[in-house]
């Protein structure tokens, strides 16, 4: 692999993922398929997944193609900054057969929080894949660009729970948020007052499971609106709504009773609920494929590819 360090990659694939302030897709995101004619016309794709909201896992896959033999390549996967420089890279030499993949990971907080300005530009994440045929020079250098755009639905609702003081364990207030882009097409919630650890009563919201095979992945922020419209007791988190209900403990009931006139005018609790809901992939296309035939030395500009 050391012999490949100074050589321009025979193939470079640059994949940009738009509308990605945080990865809210409930499933993995796959790049468009790309083919590498200088590597026996093999076909490939990349993939990114957010695993347990802790790690961003990225893959290189070899797809089914007309080359039935194993292919040994040197490849490099890099997240790249807005200026094209690599931020985090993995470089390896591997043998692939049909269906093979290799994966690597980064902490999600590095990408979307602590180093967000390095990884994201205009909410766009970019991943570059470079490939070399092992110990072989080629005269044709290919460059491919692809773009994926993620859907993101933002909703803000005011949930007014009347006769709040009459709520008891087992008696819930129900709200349905209708969605225009995401699937499933609704987010169903209940609000109740329950004892936590058999002690203090808490206001609890339950996000109800769906029978649909499509899962919702969303960020929520819920807060109490006082009589002046000011927010209090804000609670923010991220939820992957799968085949089971999810619960959110918002705040102790006693906090509201300390100032009923401010927080419970006419015995009405007003919750401001803000959602960012992932809608999956709405655009996924290969956009440009450039072939460069070299005669003589390669310029320093193209050596960066």
Protein backbone atom coordinates (compact mmCIF):
# COMPACT_ATOMS: atom_id res chain seq x y z
CA UNK A 1 0.00 0.00 0.00
CA UNK A 2 2.93 2.32 0.54
CA UNK A 3 3.59 2.22 -3.22
CA UNK A 4 0.22 3.92 -3.77
CA UNK A 5 0.92 6.93 -1.55
CA UNK A 6 2.34 9.11 -4.31
CA UNK A 7 0.02 8.01 -7.09
CA UNK A 8 -3.09 9.85 -8.19
CA UNK A 9 -6.15 7.72 -7.51
CA UNK A 10 -7.43 5.83 -10.53
CA UNK A 11 -10.94 6.67 -9.39
CA UNK A 12 -12.38 9.33 -7.08
CA UNK A 13 -16.01 9.45 -5.92
CA UNK A 14 -17.29 12.53 -4.06
CA UNK A 15 -20.66 12.18 -2.34
CA UNK A 16 -22.44 15.18 -0.80
CA UNK A 17 -25.40 14.75 1.55
CA UNK A 18 -27.54 17.89 1.78
CA UNK A 19 -29.97 18.99 4.51
CA UNK A 20 -28.04 17.03 7.11
CA UNK A 21 -27.69 19.21 10.27
CA UNK A 22 -28.00 15.90 12.10
CA UNK A 23 -28.62 12.45 10.67
CA UNK A 24 -32.35 11.87 11.28
CA UNK A 25 -32.95 9.22 8.66
CA UNK A 26 -34.42 6.16 10.45
CA UNK A 27 -32.51 3.89 8.08
CA UNK A 28 -29.07 3.91 6.54
CA UNK A 29 -28.41 6.29 3.65
CA UNK A 30 -26.94 4.74 0.51
CA UNK A 31 -25.12 6.66 -2.18
CA UNK A 32 -25.99 6.25 -5.86
CA UNK A 33 -24.19 3.30 -7.41
CA UNK A 34 -20.94 4.11 -9.20
CA UNK A 35 -18.86 1.99 -11.55
CA UNK A 36 -15.08 1.94 -11.92
CA UNK A 37 -14.14 1.01 -15.48
CA UNK A 38 -10.41 1.02 -14.72
CA UNK A 39 -11.03 -1.65 -12.06
CA UNK A 40 -12.66 -4.22 -14.34
CA UNK A 41 -15.95 -2.27 -14.53
CA UNK A 42 -16.80 -3.15 -10.96
CA UNK A 43 -19.79 -1.49 -9.28
CA UNK A 44 -19.88 0.02 -5.80
CA UNK A 45 -21.79 2.20 -3.38
CA UNK A 46 -21.19 3.94 -0.03
CA UNK A 47 -23.48 3.96 2.98
CA UNK A 48 -23.82 5.94 6.22
CA UNK A 49 -25.75 4.95 9.34
CA UNK A 50 -26.25 6.56 12.73
CA UNK A 51 -25.98 3.65 15.17
CA UNK A 52 -27.67 4.08 18.57
CA UNK A 53 -27.26 7.86 18.16
CA UNK A 54 -23.65 7.36 19.29
CA UNK A 55 -21.61 6.52 16.20
CA UNK A 56 -21.66 7.51 12.56
CA UNK A 57 -20.78 4.30 10.72
CA UNK A 58 -19.76 4.50 7.06
CA UNK A 59 -19.36 1.63 4.61
CA UNK A 60 -17.92 0.79 1.22
CA UNK A 61 -19.86 -1.95 -0.60
CA UNK A 62 -19.04 -3.89 -3.72
CA UNK A 63 -22.23 -4.50 -5.71
CA UNK A 64 -23.12 -7.31 -8.06
CA UNK A 65 -21.47 -6.78 -11.46
CA UNK A 66 -20.15 -8.68 -14.49
CA UNK A 67 -16.74 -9.31 -12.95
CA UNK A 68 -17.07 -12.55 -11.02
CA UNK A 69 -13.47 -12.63 -9.75
CA UNK A 70 -12.33 -11.18 -6.42
CA UNK A 71 -10.87 -7.68 -6.81
CA UNK A 72 -8.04 -6.39 -4.62
CA UNK A 73 -7.84 -2.61 -4.32
CA UNK A 74 -6.40 0.10 -2.16
CA UNK A 75 -9.13 2.51 -1.08
CA UNK A 76 -9.39 5.60 1.07
CA UNK A 77 -12.58 6.92 2.68
CA UNK A 78 -12.41 10.53 3.87
CA UNK A 79 -14.85 13.06 5.23
CA UNK A 80 -13.84 16.30 3.57
CA UNK A 81 -14.06 19.93 4.60
CA UNK A 82 -15.67 22.65 2.44
CA UNK A 83 -12.27 23.36 0.85
CA UNK A 84 -11.86 19.67 -0.11
CA UNK A 85 -9.20 18.82 2.46
CA UNK A 86 -9.65 15.52 4.35
CA UNK A 87 -10.77 15.75 7.99
CA UNK A 88 -10.86 12.08 8.92
CA UNK A 89 -9.55 9.26 6.69
CA UNK A 90 -9.35 5.48 6.57
CA UNK A 91 -6.95 3.94 4.02
CA UNK A 92 -6.76 0.17 3.49
CA UNK A 93 -5.98 -2.59 1.01
CA UNK A 94 -8.74 -5.20 0.83
CA UNK A 95 -10.03 -7.97 -1.40
CA UNK A 96 -13.70 -7.72 -2.38
CA UNK A 97 -16.10 -10.28 -3.79
CA UNK A 98 -19.73 -9.57 -4.70
CA UNK A 99 -21.62 -8.31 -1.66
CA UNK A 100 -18.53 -7.58 0.44
CA UNK A 101 -18.41 -4.44 2.55
CA UNK A 102 -16.10 -2.87 5.10
CA UNK A 103 -17.16 -0.34 7.73
CA UNK A 104 -15.54 2.34 9.88
CA UNK A 105 -16.93 4.72 12.48
CA UNK A 106 -16.72 8.14 14.07
CA UNK A 107 -18.44 9.46 17.22
CA UNK A 108 -21.63 11.25 16.12
CA UNK A 109 -20.89 14.12 18.52
CA UNK A 110 -17.62 14.83 16.71
CA UNK A 111 -19.42 15.25 13.40
CA UNK A 112 -22.59 17.06 14.47
CA UNK A 113 -21.57 18.91 17.66
CA UNK A 114 -17.96 19.48 18.72
CA UNK A 115 -16.44 19.67 15.19
CA UNK A 116 -19.57 20.60 13.27
CA UNK A 117 -17.97 23.60 11.55
CA UNK A 118 -15.26 21.32 10.14
CA UNK A 119 -17.54 18.54 8.90
CA UNK A 120 -20.60 20.52 7.78
CA UNK A 121 -20.98 23.45 5.44
CA UNK A 122 -24.50 24.77 4.86
CA UNK A 123 -25.76 21.57 6.54
CA UNK A 124 -23.97 19.47 3.91
CA UNK A 125 -21.79 16.46 4.75
CA UNK A 126 -19.24 15.27 2.16
CA UNK A 127 -17.60 11.86 1.89
CA UNK A 128 -14.84 11.04 -0.61
CA UNK A 129 -13.80 7.58 -1.79
CA UNK A 130 -10.52 7.11 -3.67
CA UNK A 131 -9.46 3.83 -5.29
CA UNK A 132 -6.22 2.45 -6.69
CA UNK A 133 -5.50 -0.79 -8.48
CA UNK A 134 -2.75 -2.47 -6.48
CA UNK A 135 0.78 -1.93 -7.89
CA UNK A 136 -0.50 -0.78 -11.26
CA UNK A 137 -0.31 2.53 -13.10
CA UNK A 138 -3.18 3.65 -15.32
CA UNK A 139 -3.47 6.37 -17.93
CA UNK A 140 -7.15 7.05 -17.30
CA UNK A 141 -8.33 8.81 -14.16
CA UNK A 142 -12.04 8.95 -13.41
CA UNK A 143 -13.85 11.42 -11.19
CA UNK A 144 -17.52 10.99 -10.21
CA UNK A 145 -19.83 13.33 -8.27
CA UNK A 146 -23.11 12.34 -6.61
CA UNK A 147 -25.62 14.18 -4.47
CA UNK A 148 -28.19 13.02 -1.91
CA UNK A 149 -30.75 15.33 -0.32
CA UNK A 150 -32.54 14.39 2.89
CA UNK A 151 -36.07 15.47 3.70
CA UNK A 152 -36.68 17.26 7.00
CA UNK A 153 -40.12 18.30 8.24
CA UNK A 154 -40.33 20.96 10.94
CA UNK A 155 -43.54 21.33 12.95
CA UNK A 156 -44.51 23.50 15.92
CA UNK A 157 -47.77 22.91 17.79
CA UNK A 158 -49.44 24.23 20.93
CA UNK A 159 -50.97 21.39 22.93
CA UNK A 160 -53.61 22.68 25.36
CA UNK A 161 -54.60 20.19 28.05
CA UNK A 162 -57.86 21.32 29.66
CA UNK A 163 -58.90 20.34 33.21
CA UNK A 164 -55.31 19.44 33.92
CA UNK A 165 -55.97 18.99 37.65
CA UNK A 166 -58.35 16.10 36.90
CA UNK A 167 -55.66 14.02 35.17
CA UNK A 168 -54.90 10.85 37.08
CA UNK A 169 -52.68 7.85 36.34
CA UNK A 170 -54.28 5.88 33.53
CA UNK A 171 -56.24 8.86 32.22
CA UNK A 172 -54.46 10.36 29.22
CA UNK A 173 -54.87 13.38 26.99
CA UNK A 174 -54.31 12.46 23.31
CA UNK A 175 -52.82 14.52 20.47
CA UNK A 176 -52.16 13.61 16.83
CA UNK A 177 -49.63 15.57 14.79
CA UNK A 178 -50.40 15.25 11.08
CA UNK A 179 -47.31 15.17 8.86
CA UNK A 180 -47.18 16.22 5.21
CA UNK A 181 -43.84 14.76 4.11
CA UNK A 182 -42.70 12.13 6.61
CA UNK A 183 -43.89 8.54 6.64
CA UNK A 184 -45.79 7.40 8.71
CA UNK A 185 -48.05 10.40 8.12
CA UNK A 186 -48.81 11.11 11.78
CA UNK A 187 -47.11 11.28 15.15
CA UNK A 188 -49.44 10.19 17.96
CA UNK A 189 -48.84 11.23 21.57
CA UNK A 190 -50.50 10.96 24.96
CA UNK A 191 -49.93 13.09 28.05
CA UNK A 192 -50.48 11.75 31.55
CA UNK A 193 -49.52 12.31 35.16
CA UNK A 194 -47.70 9.30 36.60
CA UNK A 195 -45.76 8.50 39.73
CA UNK A 196 -42.07 7.93 39.09
CA UNK A 197 -40.41 5.32 41.33
CA UNK A 198 -43.64 5.29 43.39
CA UNK A 199 -42.87 8.76 44.67
CA UNK A 200 -43.25 12.12 42.93
CA UNK A 201 -45.85 12.69 40.21
CA UNK A 202 -44.44 13.70 36.84
CA UNK A 203 -45.94 14.94 33.61
CA UNK A 204 -45.12 12.26 31.04
CA UNK A 205 -45.57 12.24 27.26
CA UNK A 206 -45.73 8.91 25.47
CA UNK A 207 -44.96 8.68 21.74
CA UNK A 208 -47.06 5.82 20.42
CA UNK A 209 -45.63 3.05 18.24
CA UNK A 210 -46.74 2.60 14.65
CA UNK A 211 -47.80 -0.57 12.91
CA UNK A 212 -46.23 0.88 9.77
CA UNK A 213 -42.86 -0.60 8.83
CA UNK A 214 -41.56 2.96 8.30
CA UNK A 215 -40.13 4.37 11.52
CA UNK A 216 -39.95 8.00 12.62
CA UNK A 217 -36.67 9.55 13.72
CA UNK A 218 -37.08 13.00 15.20
CA UNK A 219 -35.86 15.66 17.60
CA UNK A 220 -38.37 17.26 19.93
CA UNK A 221 -38.38 20.16 22.34
CA UNK A 222 -41.31 20.54 24.74
CA UNK A 223 -41.84 23.39 27.16
CA UNK A 224 -44.60 24.90 29.29
CA UNK A 225 -46.01 28.22 28.08
CA UNK A 226 -47.02 30.56 30.87
CA UNK A 227 -49.88 33.05 30.67
CA UNK A 228 -47.57 35.59 28.93
CA UNK A 229 -46.36 33.09 26.32
CA UNK A 230 -42.92 32.62 27.87
CA UNK A 231 -41.37 29.12 27.80
CA UNK A 232 -40.38 27.18 30.93
CA UNK A 233 -39.01 23.72 31.83
CA UNK A 234 -37.80 22.99 28.29
CA UNK A 235 -37.02 19.34 27.56
CA UNK A 236 -35.14 18.41 24.38
CA UNK A 237 -34.17 14.98 23.10
CA UNK A 238 -33.99 12.69 20.09
CA UNK A 239 -36.29 9.71 19.51
CA UNK A 240 -36.24 6.76 17.13
CA UNK A 241 -39.86 5.59 17.13
CA UNK A 242 -39.78 1.92 16.23
CA UNK A 243 -42.14 -0.93 17.09
CA UNK A 244 -42.49 0.13 20.73
CA UNK A 245 -43.73 3.18 22.62
CA UNK A 246 -41.26 5.82 23.82
CA UNK A 247 -41.67 7.87 26.99
CA UNK A 248 -40.45 11.34 27.91
CA UNK A 249 -40.58 12.54 31.53
CA UNK A 250 -41.05 16.29 31.19
CA UNK A 251 -41.21 17.84 34.68
CA UNK A 252 -42.65 17.23 38.16
CA UNK A 253 -46.31 18.17 38.55
CA UNK A 254 -45.50 20.12 41.72
CA UNK A 255 -43.52 22.65 39.63
CA UNK A 256 -46.75 23.71 37.95
CA UNK A 257 -48.73 23.83 41.18
CA UNK A 258 -46.23 26.22 42.76
CA UNK A 259 -47.67 29.02 40.61
CA UNK A 260 -51.02 27.90 39.20
CA UNK A 261 -52.00 31.38 37.98
CA UNK A 262 -48.85 31.58 35.86
CA UNK A 263 -48.63 28.00 34.54
CA UNK A 264 -52.24 26.72 34.77
CA UNK A 265 -54.62 29.61 34.04
CA UNK A 266 -58.21 28.31 34.15
CA UNK A 267 -56.73 24.84 34.81
CA UNK A 268 -55.27 24.66 31.27
CA UNK A 269 -51.74 23.41 30.63
CA UNK A 270 -50.23 24.76 27.41
CA UNK A 271 -47.28 22.87 25.95
CA UNK A 272 -45.23 24.25 23.09
CA UNK A 273 -43.96 21.28 21.06
CA UNK A 274 -41.30 21.72 18.38
CA UNK A 275 -40.31 18.84 16.10
CA UNK A 276 -37.67 18.17 13.46
CA UNK A 277 -38.66 14.92 11.74
CA UNK A 278 -36.50 13.02 9.28
CA UNK A 279 -38.22 12.15 6.00
CA UNK A 280 -35.51 9.96 4.51
CA UNK A 281 -33.98 10.46 1.07
CA UNK A 282 -35.83 12.76 -1.36
CA UNK A 283 -33.10 12.99 -4.02
CA UNK A 284 -30.28 10.56 -4.79
CA UNK A 285 -28.49 10.84 -8.14
CA UNK A 286 -25.09 10.59 -9.78
CA UNK A 287 -24.52 14.01 -11.34
CA UNK A 288 -21.19 14.05 -13.20
CA UNK A 289 -18.64 11.52 -14.40
CA UNK A 290 -15.35 12.91 -15.70
CA UNK A 291 -12.66 10.89 -17.51
CA UNK A 292 -9.13 12.29 -17.63
CA UNK A 293 -6.51 10.84 -19.96
CA UNK A 294 -3.01 11.80 -18.91
CA UNK A 295 -0.07 12.39 -21.22
CA UNK A 296 3.15 13.10 -19.33
CA UNK A 297 3.34 14.22 -15.69
CA UNK A 298 0.15 14.85 -13.72
CA UNK A 299 -0.33 18.41 -12.52
CA UNK A 300 -0.21 19.17 -8.81
CA UNK A 301 -3.89 20.17 -8.93
CA UNK A 302 -4.97 16.70 -10.03
CA UNK A 303 -2.62 15.04 -7.55
CA UNK A 304 -4.95 16.30 -4.83
CA UNK A 305 -7.70 14.03 -6.16
